Amino acid sequence: ADAKAAGVSDQTIQEALPQMVFDKSIIHQDGAQAHFQQSFLEFATKRIKGRLNPGKSKLKQYGQLLQQVENQYGVPPEVLLALWGLETDYR
């Protein structure tokens, strides 16, 4: 239903469906990640420290581009920078 709502064709869904398997071990592995064992405050404190100054620097460096992205897609620069920092440490 989610795929169809996202515009995936019925043919593609029917071709892919037999290949899909619910794997409980993946769900378990996902939930067992260390960062899910912490409170949000613990998680956020560890992730924010050391990323604020690089984030500010990237905002200055890419501010115009990030503003264009916000204008086109509605995603604020701060959100993009936060995700970029969390996922890559701005690399």
PDB file of N, CA and C in Angstrom:
ATOM      1  N   ALA A   1       0.835  -1.203   0.000  1.00  0.00           N
ATOM      2  CA  ALA A   1       0.000   0.000   0.000  1.00  0.00           C
ATOM      3  C   ALA A   1       0.873   1.258   0.000  1.00  0.00           C
ATOM      4  N   ASP A   2       1.978   1.236   0.795  1.00  0.00           N
ATOM      5  CA  ASP A   2       2.868   2.403   0.839  1.00  0.00           C
ATOM      6  C   ASP A   2       3.531   2.630  -0.517  1.00  0.00           C
ATOM      7  N   ALA A   3       3.975   1.544  -1.164  1.00  0.00           N
ATOM      8  CA  ALA A   3       4.622   1.660  -2.466  1.00  0.00           C
ATOM      9  C   ALA A   3       3.644   2.219  -3.496  1.00  0.00           C
ATOM     10  N   LYS A   4       2.446   1.706  -3.497  1.00  0.00           N
ATOM     11  CA  LYS A   4       1.436   2.161  -4.455  1.00  0.00           C
ATOM     12  C   LYS A   4       1.121   3.639  -4.220  1.00  0.00           C
ATOM     13  N   ALA A   5       0.989   4.024  -2.962  1.00  0.00           N
ATOM     14  CA  ALA A   5       0.723   5.424  -2.629  1.00  0.00           C
ATOM     15  C   ALA A   5       1.878   6.329  -3.057  1.00  0.00           C
ATOM     16  N   ALA A   6       3.086   5.762  -3.098  1.00  0.00           N
ATOM     17  CA  ALA A   6       4.257   6.531  -3.511  1.00  0.00           C
ATOM     18  C   ALA A   6       4.417   6.554  -5.029  1.00  0.00           C
ATOM     19  N   GLY A   7       3.481   5.906  -5.749  1.00  0.00           N
ATOM     20  CA  GLY A   7       3.518   5.961  -7.198  1.00  0.00           C
ATOM     21  C   GLY A   7       4.188   4.787  -7.880  1.00  0.00           C
ATOM     22  N   VAL A   8       4.518   3.745  -7.128  1.00  0.00           N
ATOM     23  CA  VAL A   8       5.117   2.548  -7.725  1.00  0.00           C
ATOM     24  C   VAL A   8       4.019   1.805  -8.479  1.00  0.00           C
ATOM     25  N   SER A   9       4.344   1.372  -9.686  1.00  0.00           N
ATOM     26  CA  SER A   9       3.335   0.727 -10.525  1.00  0.00           C
ATOM     27  C   SER A   9       2.932  -0.640  -9.965  1.00  0.00           C
ATOM     28  N   ASP A  10       1.716  -1.062 -10.308  1.00  0.00           N
ATOM     29  CA  ASP A  10       1.236  -2.385  -9.882  1.00  0.00           C
ATOM     30  C   ASP A  10       2.148  -3.485 -10.413  1.00  0.00           C
ATOM     31  N   GLN A  11       2.631  -3.329 -11.639  1.00  0.00           N
ATOM     32  CA  GLN A  11       3.521  -4.333 -12.224  1.00  0.00           C
ATOM     33  C   GLN A  11       4.802  -4.473 -11.399  1.00  0.00           C
ATOM     34  N   THR A  12       5.391  -3.364 -11.031  1.00  0.00           N
ATOM     35  CA  THR A  12       6.621  -3.402 -10.230  1.00  0.00           C
ATOM     36  C   THR A  12       6.357  -4.030  -8.873  1.00  0.00           C
ATOM     37  N   ILE A  13       5.255  -3.676  -8.265  1.00  0.00           N
ATOM     38  CA  ILE A  13       4.907  -4.253  -6.961  1.00  0.00           C
ATOM     39  C   ILE A  13       4.739  -5.760  -7.084  1.00  0.00           C
ATOM     40  N   GLN A  14       4.026  -6.213  -8.099  1.00  0.00           N
ATOM     41  CA  GLN A  14       3.802  -7.648  -8.281  1.00  0.00           C
ATOM     42  C   GLN A  14       5.093  -8.403  -8.568  1.00  0.00           C
ATOM     43  N   GLU A  15       6.027  -7.774  -9.273  1.00  0.00           N
ATOM     44  CA  GLU A  15       7.310  -8.411  -9.555  1.00  0.00           C
ATOM     45  C   GLU A  15       8.194  -8.465  -8.301  1.00  0.00           C
ATOM     46  N   ALA A  16       8.106  -7.462  -7.463  1.00  0.00           N
ATOM     47  CA  ALA A  16       8.959  -7.382  -6.284  1.00  0.00           C
ATOM     48  C   ALA A  16       8.418  -8.159  -5.092  1.00  0.00           C
ATOM     49  N   LEU A  17       7.111  -8.245  -4.987  1.00  0.00           N
ATOM     50  CA  LEU A  17       6.473  -8.842  -3.816  1.00  0.00           C
ATOM     51  C   LEU A  17       6.977 -10.250  -3.475  1.00  0.00           C
ATOM     52  N   PRO A  18       7.143 -11.145  -4.436  1.00  0.00           N
ATOM     53  CA  PRO A  18       7.616 -12.489  -4.079  1.00  0.00           C
ATOM     54  C   PRO A  18       9.035 -12.509  -3.492  1.00  0.00           C
ATOM     55  N   GLN A  19       9.791 -11.457  -3.748  1.00  0.00           N
ATOM     56  CA  GLN A  19      11.166 -11.382  -3.241  1.00  0.00           C
ATOM     57  C   GLN A  19      11.238 -10.843  -1.812  1.00  0.00           C
ATOM     58  N   MET A  20      10.159 -10.278  -1.346  1.00  0.00           N
ATOM     59  CA  MET A  20      10.148  -9.649  -0.025  1.00  0.00           C
ATOM     60  C   MET A  20       9.862 -10.677   1.059  1.00  0.00           C
ATOM     61  N   VAL A  21      10.706 -10.621   2.098  1.00  0.00           N
ATOM     62  CA  VAL A  21      10.574 -11.554   3.212  1.00  0.00           C
ATOM     63  C   VAL A  21      10.728 -10.757   4.508  1.00  0.00           C
ATOM     64  N   PHE A  22       9.830 -10.989   5.428  1.00  0.00           N
ATOM     65  CA  PHE A  22       9.974 -10.361   6.743  1.00  0.00           C
ATOM     66  C   PHE A  22      11.030 -11.126   7.521  1.00  0.00           C
ATOM     67  N   ASP A  23      12.089 -10.456   7.889  1.00  0.00           N
ATOM     68  CA  ASP A  23      13.211 -11.090   8.575  1.00  0.00           C
ATOM     69  C   ASP A  23      13.306 -10.520   9.984  1.00  0.00           C
ATOM     70  N   LYS A  24      12.861 -11.300  10.976  1.00  0.00           N
ATOM     71  CA  LYS A  24      12.862 -10.844  12.370  1.00  0.00           C
ATOM     72  C   LYS A  24      14.260 -10.481  12.853  1.00  0.00           C
ATOM     73  N   SER A  25      15.291 -11.159  12.319  1.00  0.00           N
ATOM     74  CA  SER A  25      16.654 -10.876  12.778  1.00  0.00           C
ATOM     75  C   SER A  25      17.069  -9.442  12.426  1.00  0.00           C
ATOM     76  N   ILE A  26      16.588  -8.935  11.312  1.00  0.00           N
ATOM     77  CA  ILE A  26      16.907  -7.557  10.926  1.00  0.00           C
ATOM     78  C   ILE A  26      16.231  -6.576  11.878  1.00  0.00           C
ATOM     79  N   ILE A  27      15.000  -6.847  12.207  1.00  0.00           N
ATOM     80  CA  ILE A  27      14.285  -5.999  13.163  1.00  0.00           C
ATOM     81  C   ILE A  27      15.008  -6.011  14.505  1.00  0.00           C
ATOM     82  N   HIS A  28      15.438  -7.186  14.948  1.00  0.00           N
ATOM     83  CA  HIS A  28      16.169  -7.296  16.209  1.00  0.00           C
ATOM     84  C   HIS A  28      17.490  -6.526  16.143  1.00  0.00           C
ATOM     85  N   GLN A  29      18.236  -6.702  15.064  1.00  0.00           N
ATOM     86  CA  GLN A  29      19.517  -6.001  14.930  1.00  0.00           C
ATOM     87  C   GLN A  29      19.329  -4.496  14.922  1.00  0.00           C
ATOM     88  N   ASP A  30      18.283  -4.048  14.248  1.00  0.00           N
ATOM     89  CA  ASP A  30      18.018  -2.621  14.194  1.00  0.00           C
ATOM     90  C   ASP A  30      17.733  -2.064  15.591  1.00  0.00           C
ATOM     91  N   GLY A  31      16.889  -2.743  16.339  1.00  0.00           N
ATOM     92  CA  GLY A  31      16.537  -2.282  17.682  1.00  0.00           C
ATOM     93  C   GLY A  31      17.643  -2.436  18.699  1.00  0.00           C
ATOM     94  N   ALA A  32      18.626  -3.290  18.389  1.00  0.00           N
ATOM     95  CA  ALA A  32      19.717  -3.542  19.330  1.00  0.00           C
ATOM     96  C   ALA A  32      20.885  -2.577  19.159  1.00  0.00           C
ATOM     97  N   GLN A  33      20.787  -1.644  18.231  1.00  0.00           N
ATOM     98  CA  GLN A  33      21.867  -0.690  18.035  1.00  0.00           C
ATOM     99  C   GLN A  33      22.075   0.105  19.323  1.00  0.00           C
ATOM    100  N   ALA A  34      23.322   0.375  19.624  1.00  0.00           N
ATOM    101  CA  ALA A  34      23.677   1.012  20.899  1.00  0.00           C
ATOM    102  C   ALA A  34      22.946   2.330  21.126  1.00  0.00           C
ATOM    103  N   HIS A  35      22.767   3.111  20.084  1.00  0.00           N
ATOM    104  CA  HIS A  35      22.135   4.413  20.314  1.00  0.00           C
ATOM    105  C   HIS A  35      20.662   4.287  20.677  1.00  0.00           C
ATOM    106  N   PHE A  36      20.043   3.135  20.453  1.00  0.00           N
ATOM    107  CA  PHE A  36      18.660   2.944  20.881  1.00  0.00           C
ATOM    108  C   PHE A  36      18.578   2.526  22.351  1.00  0.00           C
ATOM    109  N   GLN A  37      19.712   2.265  22.951  1.00  0.00           N
ATOM    110  CA  GLN A  37      19.745   1.853  24.350  1.00  0.00           C
ATOM    111  C   GLN A  37      19.965   3.047  25.274  1.00  0.00           C
ATOM    112  N   GLN A  38      20.027   4.242  24.723  1.00  0.00           N
ATOM    113  CA  GLN A  38      20.259   5.453  25.506  1.00  0.00           C
ATOM    114  C   GLN A  38      18.983   6.292  25.551  1.00  0.00           C
ATOM    115  N   SER A  39      18.953   7.174  26.526  1.00  0.00           N
ATOM    116  CA  SER A  39      17.855   8.143  26.531  1.00  0.00           C
ATOM    117  C   SER A  39      18.113   9.149  25.411  1.00  0.00           C
ATOM    118  N   PHE A  40      17.082   9.892  25.031  1.00  0.00           N
ATOM    119  CA  PHE A  40      17.278  10.893  23.989  1.00  0.00           C
ATOM    120  C   PHE A  40      18.309  11.920  24.427  1.00  0.00           C
ATOM    121  N   LEU A  41      18.271  12.321  25.690  1.00  0.00           N
ATOM    122  CA  LEU A  41      19.213  13.321  26.182  1.00  0.00           C
ATOM    123  C   LEU A  41      20.651  12.822  26.071  1.00  0.00           C
ATOM    124  N   GLU A  42      20.892  11.567  26.453  1.00  0.00           N
ATOM    125  CA  GLU A  42      22.234  11.000  26.308  1.00  0.00           C
ATOM    126  C   GLU A  42      22.657  10.972  24.839  1.00  0.00           C
ATOM    127  N   PHE A  43      21.771  10.507  24.003  1.00  0.00           N
ATOM    128  CA  PHE A  43      22.048  10.422  22.567  1.00  0.00           C
ATOM    129  C   PHE A  43      22.365  11.797  21.994  1.00  0.00           C
ATOM    130  N   ALA A  44      21.492  12.766  22.266  1.00  0.00           N
ATOM    131  CA  ALA A  44      21.647  14.102  21.696  1.00  0.00           C
ATOM    132  C   ALA A  44      22.916  14.791  22.199  1.00  0.00           C
ATOM    133  N   THR A  45      23.197  14.662  23.494  1.00  0.00           N
ATOM    134  CA  THR A  45      24.378  15.310  24.066  1.00  0.00           C
ATOM    135  C   THR A  45      25.651  14.795  23.401  1.00  0.00           C
ATOM    136  N   LYS A  46      25.746  13.497  23.226  1.00  0.00           N
ATOM    137  CA  LYS A  46      26.942  12.917  22.599  1.00  0.00           C
ATOM    138  C   LYS A  46      27.048  13.309  21.134  1.00  0.00           C
ATOM    139  N   ARG A  47      25.923  13.418  20.455  1.00  0.00           N
ATOM    140  CA  ARG A  47      25.947  13.689  19.022  1.00  0.00           C
ATOM    141  C   ARG A  47      26.140  15.168  18.704  1.00  0.00           C
ATOM    142  N   ILE A  48      25.673  16.039  19.574  1.00  0.00           N
ATOM    143  CA  ILE A  48      25.761  17.472  19.310  1.00  0.00           C
ATOM    144  C   ILE A  48      27.164  18.007  19.602  1.00  0.00           C
ATOM    145  N   LYS A  49      27.741  17.542  20.696  1.00  0.00           N
ATOM    146  CA  LYS A  49      29.062  18.021  21.097  1.00  0.00           C
ATOM    147  C   LYS A  49      30.048  17.788  19.956  1.00  0.00           C
ATOM    148  N   GLY A  50      30.768  18.790  19.593  1.00  0.00           N
ATOM    149  CA  GLY A  50      31.761  18.665  18.539  1.00  0.00           C
ATOM    150  C   GLY A  50      31.210  18.891  17.139  1.00  0.00           C
ATOM    151  N   ARG A  51      29.908  19.045  17.008  1.00  0.00           N
ATOM    152  CA  ARG A  51      29.322  19.257  15.683  1.00  0.00           C
ATOM    153  C   ARG A  51      28.776  20.674  15.495  1.00  0.00           C
ATOM    154  N   LEU A  52      28.643  21.425  16.560  1.00  0.00           N
ATOM    155  CA  LEU A  52      28.082  22.767  16.436  1.00  0.00           C
ATOM    156  C   LEU A  52      28.969  23.697  15.619  1.00  0.00           C
ATOM    157  N   ASN A  53      30.242  23.778  15.958  1.00  0.00           N
ATOM    158  CA  ASN A  53      31.128  24.692  15.236  1.00  0.00           C
ATOM    159  C   ASN A  53      31.318  24.276  13.781  1.00  0.00           C
ATOM    160  N   PRO A  54      31.550  22.983  13.497  1.00  0.00           N
ATOM    161  CA  PRO A  54      31.622  22.605  12.076  1.00  0.00           C
ATOM    162  C   PRO A  54      30.317  22.904  11.336  1.00  0.00           C
ATOM    163  N   GLY A  55      29.198  22.732  12.003  1.00  0.00           N
ATOM    164  CA  GLY A  55      27.914  23.032  11.380  1.00  0.00           C
ATOM    165  C   GLY A  55      27.779  24.507  11.044  1.00  0.00           C
ATOM    166  N   LYS A  56      28.205  25.361  11.957  1.00  0.00           N
ATOM    167  CA  LYS A  56      28.174  26.804  11.704  1.00  0.00           C
ATOM    168  C   LYS A  56      29.071  27.163  10.522  1.00  0.00           C
ATOM    169  N   SER A  57      30.214  26.520  10.464  1.00  0.00           N
ATOM    170  CA  SER A  57      31.144  26.756   9.361  1.00  0.00           C
ATOM    171  C   SER A  57      30.534  26.335   8.025  1.00  0.00           C
ATOM    172  N   LYS A  58      29.883  25.178   8.009  1.00  0.00           N
ATOM    173  CA  LYS A  58      29.240  24.697   6.776  1.00  0.00           C
ATOM    174  C   LYS A  58      28.075  25.603   6.382  1.00  0.00           C
ATOM    175  N   LEU A  59      27.390  26.173   7.365  1.00  0.00           N
ATOM    176  CA  LEU A  59      26.295  27.094   7.067  1.00  0.00           C
ATOM    177  C   LEU A  59      26.830  28.329   6.351  1.00  0.00           C
ATOM    178  N   LYS A  60      27.976  28.828   6.814  1.00  0.00           N
ATOM    179  CA  LYS A  60      28.594  29.981   6.145  1.00  0.00           C
ATOM    180  C   LYS A  60      29.065  29.588   4.742  1.00  0.00           C
ATOM    181  N   GLN A  61      29.689  28.428   4.647  1.00  0.00           N
ATOM    182  CA  GLN A  61      30.260  27.977   3.385  1.00  0.00           C
ATOM    183  C   GLN A  61      29.183  27.689   2.328  1.00  0.00           C
ATOM    184  N   TYR A  62      28.106  27.048   2.749  1.00  0.00           N
ATOM    185  CA  TYR A  62      27.063  26.599   1.814  1.00  0.00           C
ATOM    186  C   TYR A  62      25.724  27.298   2.010  1.00  0.00           C
ATOM    187  N   GLY A  63      25.734  28.421   2.697  1.00  0.00           N
ATOM    188  CA  GLY A  63      24.494  29.105   3.030  1.00  0.00           C
ATOM    189  C   GLY A  63      23.607  29.403   1.837  1.00  0.00           C
ATOM    190  N   GLN A  64      24.197  29.890   0.752  1.00  0.00           N
ATOM    191  CA  GLN A  64      23.407  30.231  -0.433  1.00  0.00           C
ATOM    192  C   GLN A  64      22.765  28.977  -1.037  1.00  0.00           C
ATOM    193  N   LEU A  65      23.529  27.914  -1.157  1.00  0.00           N
ATOM    194  CA  LEU A  65      22.992  26.665  -1.704  1.00  0.00           C
ATOM    195  C   LEU A  65      21.895  26.107  -0.802  1.00  0.00           C
ATOM    196  N   LEU A  66      22.149  26.122   0.507  1.00  0.00           N
ATOM    197  CA  LEU A  66      21.157  25.610   1.445  1.00  0.00           C
ATOM    198  C   LEU A  66      19.873  26.429   1.402  1.00  0.00           C
ATOM    199  N   GLN A  67      20.000  27.724   1.175  1.00  0.00           N
ATOM    200  CA  GLN A  67      18.814  28.572   1.051  1.00  0.00           C
ATOM    201  C   GLN A  67      18.032  28.221  -0.214  1.00  0.00           C
ATOM    202  N   GLN A  68      18.745  27.910  -1.285  1.00  0.00           N
ATOM    203  CA  GLN A  68      18.083  27.496  -2.525  1.00  0.00           C
ATOM    204  C   GLN A  68      17.328  26.179  -2.314  1.00  0.00           C
ATOM    205  N   VAL A  69      17.952  25.270  -1.573  1.00  0.00           N
ATOM    206  CA  VAL A  69      17.295  23.990  -1.285  1.00  0.00           C
ATOM    207  C   VAL A  69      16.032  24.231  -0.475  1.00  0.00           C
ATOM    208  N   GLU A  70      16.122  25.104   0.525  1.00  0.00           N
ATOM    209  CA  GLU A  70      14.931  25.407   1.322  1.00  0.00           C
ATOM    210  C   GLU A  70      13.836  26.022   0.458  1.00  0.00           C
ATOM    211  N   ASN A  71      14.218  26.945  -0.409  1.00  0.00           N
ATOM    212  CA  ASN A  71      13.230  27.595  -1.268  1.00  0.00           C
ATOM    213  C   ASN A  71      12.544  26.586  -2.185  1.00  0.00           C
ATOM    214  N   GLN A  72      13.306  25.633  -2.682  1.00  0.00           N
ATOM    215  CA  GLN A  72      12.738  24.670  -3.620  1.00  0.00           C
ATOM    216  C   GLN A  72      11.986  23.536  -2.940  1.00  0.00           C
ATOM    217  N   TYR A  73      12.529  23.040  -1.808  1.00  0.00           N
ATOM    218  CA  TYR A  73      11.961  21.840  -1.184  1.00  0.00           C
ATOM    219  C   TYR A  73      11.336  22.073   0.190  1.00  0.00           C
ATOM    220  N   GLY A  74      11.570  23.249   0.763  1.00  0.00           N
ATOM    221  CA  GLY A  74      10.964  23.564   2.047  1.00  0.00           C
ATOM    222  C   GLY A  74      11.688  22.990   3.259  1.00  0.00           C
ATOM    223  N   VAL A  75      12.913  22.505   3.059  1.00  0.00           N
ATOM    224  CA  VAL A  75      13.670  21.933   4.177  1.00  0.00           C
ATOM    225  C   VAL A  75      14.650  22.996   4.683  1.00  0.00           C
ATOM    226  N   PRO A  76      14.522  23.432   5.931  1.00  0.00           N
ATOM    227  CA  PRO A  76      15.397  24.474   6.461  1.00  0.00           C
ATOM    228  C   PRO A  76      16.864  24.037   6.483  1.00  0.00           C
ATOM    229  N   PRO A  77      17.776  24.979   6.245  1.00  0.00           N
ATOM    230  CA  PRO A  77      19.204  24.666   6.262  1.00  0.00           C
ATOM    231  C   PRO A  77      19.652  23.977   7.548  1.00  0.00           C
ATOM    232  N   GLU A  78      19.090  24.385   8.667  1.00  0.00           N
ATOM    233  CA  GLU A  78      19.503  23.797   9.944  1.00  0.00           C
ATOM    234  C   GLU A  78      19.178  22.304  10.008  1.00  0.00           C
ATOM    235  N   VAL A  79      18.075  21.916   9.418  1.00  0.00           N
ATOM    236  CA  VAL A  79      17.701  20.500   9.398  1.00  0.00           C
ATOM    237  C   VAL A  79      18.676  19.714   8.527  1.00  0.00           C
ATOM    238  N   LEU A  80      18.976  20.256   7.348  1.00  0.00           N
ATOM    239  CA  LEU A  80      19.932  19.595   6.469  1.00  0.00           C
ATOM    240  C   LEU A  80      21.305  19.474   7.128  1.00  0.00           C
ATOM    241  N   LEU A  81      21.734  20.546   7.775  1.00  0.00           N
ATOM    242  CA  LEU A  81      23.039  20.521   8.445  1.00  0.00           C
ATOM    243  C   LEU A  81      23.058  19.525   9.599  1.00  0.00           C
ATOM    244  N   ALA A  82      21.973  19.444  10.341  1.00  0.00           N
ATOM    245  CA  ALA A  82      21.911  18.501  11.455  1.00  0.00           C
ATOM    246  C   ALA A  82      22.017  17.070  10.950  1.00  0.00           C
ATOM    247  N   LEU A  83      21.291  16.758   9.893  1.00  0.00           N
ATOM    248  CA  LEU A  83      21.362  15.402   9.329  1.00  0.00           C
ATOM    249  C   LEU A  83      22.741  15.124   8.742  1.00  0.00           C
ATOM    250  N   TRP A  84      23.287  16.080   8.027  1.00  0.00           N
ATOM    251  CA  TRP A  84      24.618  15.938   7.438  1.00  0.00           C
ATOM    252  C   TRP A  84      25.642  15.672   8.536  1.00  0.00           C
ATOM    253  N   GLY A  85      25.582  16.445   9.602  1.00  0.00           N
ATOM    254  CA  GLY A  85      26.523  16.273  10.708  1.00  0.00           C
ATOM    255  C   GLY A  85      26.381  14.937  11.403  1.00  0.00           C
ATOM    256  N   LEU A  86      25.153  14.517  11.672  1.00  0.00           N
ATOM    257  CA  LEU A  86      24.931  13.236  12.346  1.00  0.00           C
ATOM    258  C   LEU A  86      25.382  12.055  11.500  1.00  0.00           C
ATOM    259  N   GLU A  87      25.129  12.123  10.215  1.00  0.00           N
ATOM    260  CA  GLU A  87      25.418  10.984   9.346  1.00  0.00           C
ATOM    261  C   GLU A  87      26.865  10.918   8.882  1.00  0.00           C
ATOM    262  N   THR A  88      27.542  12.065   8.763  1.00  0.00           N
ATOM    263  CA  THR A  88      28.880  12.039   8.162  1.00  0.00           C
ATOM    264  C   THR A  88      29.951  12.822   8.923  1.00  0.00           C
ATOM    265  N   ASP A  89      29.574  13.495   9.994  1.00  0.00           N
ATOM    266  CA  ASP A  89      30.490  14.435  10.656  1.00  0.00           C
ATOM    267  C   ASP A  89      30.993  15.487   9.671  1.00  0.00           C
ATOM    268  N   TYR A  90      30.124  15.857   8.734  1.00  0.00           N
ATOM    269  CA  TYR A  90      30.400  16.878   7.719  1.00  0.00           C
ATOM    270  C   TYR A  90      31.515  16.485   6.760  1.00  0.00           C
ATOM    271  N   ARG A  91      31.657  15.212   6.497  1.00  0.00           N
ATOM    272  CA  ARG A  91      32.671  14.777   5.519  1.00  0.00           C
ATOM    273  C   ARG A  91      32.026  14.529   4.203  1.00  0.00           C
TER     274      ARG A  91
END
